[in-house]
Each structure stands twice: as C-alpha cells, then as structure tokens.
Amino acid sequence: EVLVPVGPLISQIPGPDDGFPSPDLAEHWRPRGCGIACLRMILSSYRIDHGSYWSLISEGLQTGAYCDRGWIHQGLLDMATRHGLPGTAQRNRTTTHLRGDLLAGHLLIASVTVCFRGGQPCSDASNQVHAPGGHLVVVTGTRLDNTGEPTEFRVHHPSATPTNNLSNHWVTHERFTASFSGNYLTFPDPG
C-alpha cells in the first residue's frame, strides 16, 4: 500500500464561510467546483493559505482557468504556482504512470468520470455510456498486487451532493481505469 500524506476532504458544496457574495452564486458554482475543491485540498496539504472558495473561483475566472467545459488543467497549475506550489500537467497517461508518481510521493489531481461511472450506461434513454473524464479528484494512494501493479486507488472525491463527498475512498483499478481520461496534475511530495 502506497499512501501520500494529504489534508482532509474539501467538498465542492459551498459553506457559509466560503466567501460567496450571494446564495445564488454559491449554488451556481456548487456543481462546477470540483477543480477548485481539489486545488484547495492540494494547497491545504502543503499548508498554503489560499483564501476562500470564492476568492479562488474569482482568481480562476480572472485568469482564464475556467471555460464552458470546466476547469482547465494548465489554469489550475498556474493558480497553484501563483500560490507557491508549481506542478506538472500529465497528458495521455495510464494508471502505471499514476502508480509511479504515487511511489515518488506526489499528490495528484486526476480527471475521471463523476463517481467513477466511466463505461456505465447513462441514466437517460440515450443508450450511451459515461465517457472518461469530466470531473476532478485528488489521488492519494494505491494498493499493489504481488507484481507491483495497481489493484486500487485511494481518492478524495469532492462532490456537489453530500453522499458523494468521499474521503480516502478506495476505487478498484477496473473502475478507475474505465473513468480515467489519461490526464492528471502532479505536485511534489508534501512530506
């Protein structure tokens, strides 16, 4: 088992002290806050003061880190760098790469399907399945088999719904792989 030290789960559900100027604005960002929730978890793990939830969203909007498809990975990295924590974007990677970065002690923000539903049928009548990616989680560990291959990944899964905010949640390699877009961000060992 490989575990990287991480702070507590931070939800994307805004709280009363998160600095939003109005309840409507807080509700608007509730389903769109996974990238900022993950960035808050990463910065908190390094004990970096990052201001309020709303101040980080405002920063991201002002610097172009958000678009109609969601949070832009490079934009989140640029935000982290401005707060004193440089990271690296990884593209078109596999879970073997994730394992290597976890073994090196890195904290990761990975692009996965919400609730790891990748490959599962959509709830509408479209006969489509959930595609990989579209949501961000902090990856904090892995379990390996006797050959060193990952069997599970441990994540902090932020959500807009209370029941899906999952702290230190273990996901099977199969479910993770079906949901993983191949893109993630790495940050150095928080040691």
Protein backbone atom coordinates (compact mmCIF):
# COMPACT_ATOMS: atom_id res chain seq x y z
CA GLU A 1 0.00 0.00 0.00
CA VAL A 2 1.37 3.40 -1.03
CA LEU A 3 -0.19 6.41 0.71
CA VAL A 4 0.74 10.07 0.23
CA PRO A 5 0.02 12.44 3.14
CA VAL A 6 -2.99 14.62 2.36
CA GLY A 7 -5.21 17.03 4.24
CA PRO A 8 -8.92 16.45 4.75
CA LEU A 9 -11.52 16.18 2.00
CA ILE A 10 -12.88 19.56 0.91
CA SER A 11 -16.34 19.48 -0.62
CA GLN A 12 -17.46 21.46 -3.63
CA ILE A 13 -20.62 22.33 -1.66
CA PRO A 14 -20.18 25.95 -0.56
CA GLY A 15 -20.43 26.65 3.15
CA PRO A 16 -21.40 29.85 4.98
CA ASP A 17 -17.74 30.90 5.40
CA ASP A 18 -16.68 30.32 1.79
CA GLY A 19 -17.00 33.98 0.78
CA PHE A 20 -19.67 33.79 -1.92
CA PRO A 21 -21.38 37.17 -2.42
CA SER A 22 -24.84 35.56 -2.76
CA PRO A 23 -26.61 32.23 -2.23
CA ASP A 24 -27.45 32.13 -5.97
CA LEU A 25 -23.79 32.44 -6.92
CA ALA A 26 -22.84 29.74 -4.41
CA GLU A 27 -25.50 27.44 -5.88
CA HIS A 28 -24.30 28.18 -9.43
CA TRP A 29 -20.75 27.06 -8.56
CA ARG A 30 -21.78 24.06 -6.46
CA PRO A 31 -21.82 21.59 -9.43
CA ARG A 32 -18.85 23.32 -11.09
CA GLY A 33 -16.42 23.44 -8.17
CA CYS A 34 -14.51 20.15 -8.40
CA GLY A 35 -11.33 21.74 -9.75
CA ILE A 36 -11.26 24.40 -7.06
CA ALA A 37 -12.13 21.87 -4.33
CA CYS A 38 -9.16 19.74 -5.48
CA LEU A 39 -6.86 22.75 -5.65
CA ARG A 40 -7.94 23.75 -2.12
CA MET A 41 -7.13 20.22 -0.88
CA ILE A 42 -3.69 20.29 -2.53
CA LEU A 43 -2.80 23.75 -1.22
CA SER A 44 -4.08 22.85 2.26
CA SER A 45 -1.93 19.69 2.25
CA TYR A 46 1.11 21.95 1.83
CA ARG A 47 -0.24 24.38 4.45
CA ILE A 48 -0.51 27.16 1.86
CA ASP A 49 -3.02 29.89 2.66
CA HIS A 50 -5.29 30.12 -0.37
CA GLY A 51 -8.12 32.38 0.75
CA SER A 52 -11.76 31.46 0.43
CA TYR A 53 -13.52 29.14 -2.01
CA TRP A 54 -15.00 32.19 -3.76
CA SER A 55 -11.63 34.01 -3.94
CA LEU A 56 -10.07 31.02 -5.74
CA ILE A 57 -13.00 30.78 -8.16
CA SER A 58 -12.70 34.54 -8.80
CA GLU A 59 -8.97 34.15 -9.41
CA GLY A 60 -9.62 31.29 -11.82
CA LEU A 61 -12.23 33.28 -13.72
CA GLN A 62 -9.97 36.35 -13.96
CA THR A 63 -7.04 34.30 -15.27
CA GLY A 64 -8.96 32.13 -17.75
CA ALA A 65 -8.64 28.88 -15.79
CA TYR A 66 -12.32 28.04 -16.40
CA CYS A 67 -14.20 27.55 -19.67
CA ASP A 68 -17.59 26.19 -20.70
CA ARG A 69 -16.20 22.62 -20.48
CA GLY A 70 -14.87 23.06 -16.93
CA TRP A 71 -11.57 23.77 -15.21
CA ILE A 72 -8.54 23.93 -17.47
CA HIS A 73 -5.68 21.84 -16.10
CA GLN A 74 -2.97 24.34 -17.04
CA GLY A 75 -5.06 27.10 -15.48
CA LEU A 76 -5.22 25.18 -12.19
CA LEU A 77 -1.45 24.62 -12.35
CA ASP A 78 -0.88 28.32 -12.97
CA MET A 79 -3.06 29.12 -9.95
CA ALA A 80 -1.10 26.67 -7.78
CA THR A 81 2.16 28.23 -8.96
CA ARG A 82 0.93 31.72 -8.06
CA HIS A 83 0.28 30.36 -4.56
CA GLY A 84 3.83 28.98 -4.35
CA LEU A 85 3.30 25.39 -5.48
CA PRO A 86 4.44 24.54 -9.00
CA GLY A 87 3.15 21.32 -10.52
CA THR A 88 3.19 19.47 -13.83
CA ALA A 89 0.46 18.50 -16.30
CA GLN A 90 0.49 14.89 -17.47
CA ARG A 91 -1.34 14.01 -20.70
CA ASN A 92 -2.32 10.69 -22.27
CA ARG A 93 -1.04 8.64 -19.33
CA THR A 94 -2.03 5.31 -17.85
CA THR A 95 -2.59 4.06 -14.32
CA THR A 96 1.01 2.77 -14.45
CA HIS A 97 2.13 6.40 -14.65
CA LEU A 98 -0.17 7.26 -11.71
CA ARG A 99 1.43 4.44 -9.71
CA GLY A 100 4.91 5.79 -10.47
CA ASP A 101 4.00 9.29 -9.34
CA LEU A 102 2.40 7.96 -6.16
CA LEU A 103 5.51 5.87 -5.45
CA ALA A 104 7.51 9.11 -5.83
CA GLY A 105 5.29 10.68 -3.13
CA HIS A 106 3.41 13.07 -5.40
CA LEU A 107 -0.13 14.25 -4.80
CA LEU A 108 -2.25 14.07 -7.93
CA ILE A 109 -5.38 15.66 -9.33
CA ALA A 110 -6.83 13.26 -11.89
CA SER A 111 -9.56 13.68 -14.48
CA VAL A 112 -12.17 10.92 -14.03
CA THR A 113 -15.87 10.36 -14.55
CA VAL A 114 -18.09 11.59 -11.71
CA CYS A 115 -18.49 8.80 -9.13
CA PHE A 116 -16.32 6.57 -11.33
CA ARG A 117 -19.23 5.79 -13.65
CA GLY A 118 -17.00 5.51 -16.73
CA GLY A 119 -18.28 2.88 -19.16
CA GLN A 120 -21.58 2.52 -17.30
CA PRO A 121 -24.90 3.29 -19.02
CA CYS A 122 -26.20 6.85 -18.70
CA SER A 123 -29.42 7.20 -16.73
CA ASP A 124 -31.26 8.81 -19.65
CA ALA A 125 -32.72 6.82 -22.54
CA SER A 126 -29.84 7.68 -24.91
CA ASN A 127 -28.23 4.21 -24.90
CA GLN A 128 -24.91 5.95 -24.28
CA VAL A 129 -22.31 5.23 -21.61
CA HIS A 130 -20.43 7.66 -19.38
CA ALA A 131 -17.20 8.74 -21.05
CA PRO A 132 -13.91 9.03 -19.15
CA GLY A 133 -13.09 12.39 -17.55
CA GLY A 134 -15.15 15.46 -16.83
CA HIS A 135 -14.58 15.52 -13.06
CA LEU A 136 -11.50 16.04 -10.87
CA VAL A 137 -10.41 14.09 -7.78
CA VAL A 138 -7.29 14.09 -5.60
CA VAL A 139 -5.47 10.74 -5.82
CA THR A 140 -3.67 9.94 -2.57
CA GLY A 141 -2.66 6.29 -2.74
CA THR A 142 -2.66 2.90 -4.39
CA ARG A 143 -2.68 -0.75 -3.43
CA LEU A 144 -0.44 -3.04 -5.44
CA ASP A 145 -0.54 -6.74 -6.20
CA ASN A 146 2.50 -9.01 -5.72
CA THR A 147 3.85 -7.97 -9.14
CA GLY A 148 3.66 -4.26 -8.28
CA GLU A 149 0.63 -3.50 -10.43
CA PRO A 150 -2.14 -1.28 -9.01
CA THR A 151 -5.30 -3.04 -7.82
CA GLU A 152 -7.00 0.01 -6.26
CA PHE A 153 -6.57 3.77 -5.98
CA ARG A 154 -7.40 5.93 -2.96
CA VAL A 155 -9.04 9.28 -3.65
CA HIS A 156 -10.64 12.31 -2.07
CA HIS A 157 -13.77 12.64 -4.23
CA PRO A 158 -15.37 16.11 -3.93
CA SER A 159 -18.99 16.34 -4.96
CA ALA A 160 -21.98 18.67 -5.22
CA THR A 161 -24.03 16.13 -3.24
CA PRO A 162 -23.29 15.23 0.40
CA THR A 163 -23.47 11.45 -0.14
CA ASN A 164 -20.83 11.52 -2.89
CA ASN A 165 -18.23 13.52 -0.94
CA LEU A 166 -15.91 10.60 -0.28
CA SER A 167 -12.81 10.85 1.90
CA ASN A 168 -9.99 8.31 1.47
CA HIS A 169 -12.26 6.32 -0.84
CA TRP A 170 -10.83 3.19 -2.47
CA VAL A 171 -11.71 2.57 -6.12
CA THR A 172 -10.91 -0.67 -7.92
CA HIS A 173 -8.37 -0.48 -10.73
CA GLU A 174 -11.07 -1.57 -13.19
CA ARG A 175 -13.49 1.23 -12.24
CA PHE A 176 -10.71 3.80 -12.06
CA THR A 177 -9.36 2.84 -15.49
CA ALA A 178 -12.82 2.98 -17.10
CA SER A 179 -13.26 6.51 -15.72
CA PHE A 180 -9.71 7.89 -16.10
CA SER A 181 -9.19 10.29 -19.02
CA GLY A 182 -5.42 9.80 -19.00
CA ASN A 183 -4.85 13.38 -17.84
CA TYR A 184 -3.69 14.47 -14.40
CA LEU A 185 -1.66 17.03 -12.48
CA THR A 186 1.30 16.18 -10.24
CA PHE A 187 2.56 18.08 -7.22
CA PRO A 188 5.75 17.30 -5.29
CA ASP A 189 5.93 15.22 -2.13
CA PRO A 190 4.19 17.21 0.63
CA GLY A 191 6.38 15.37 3.21
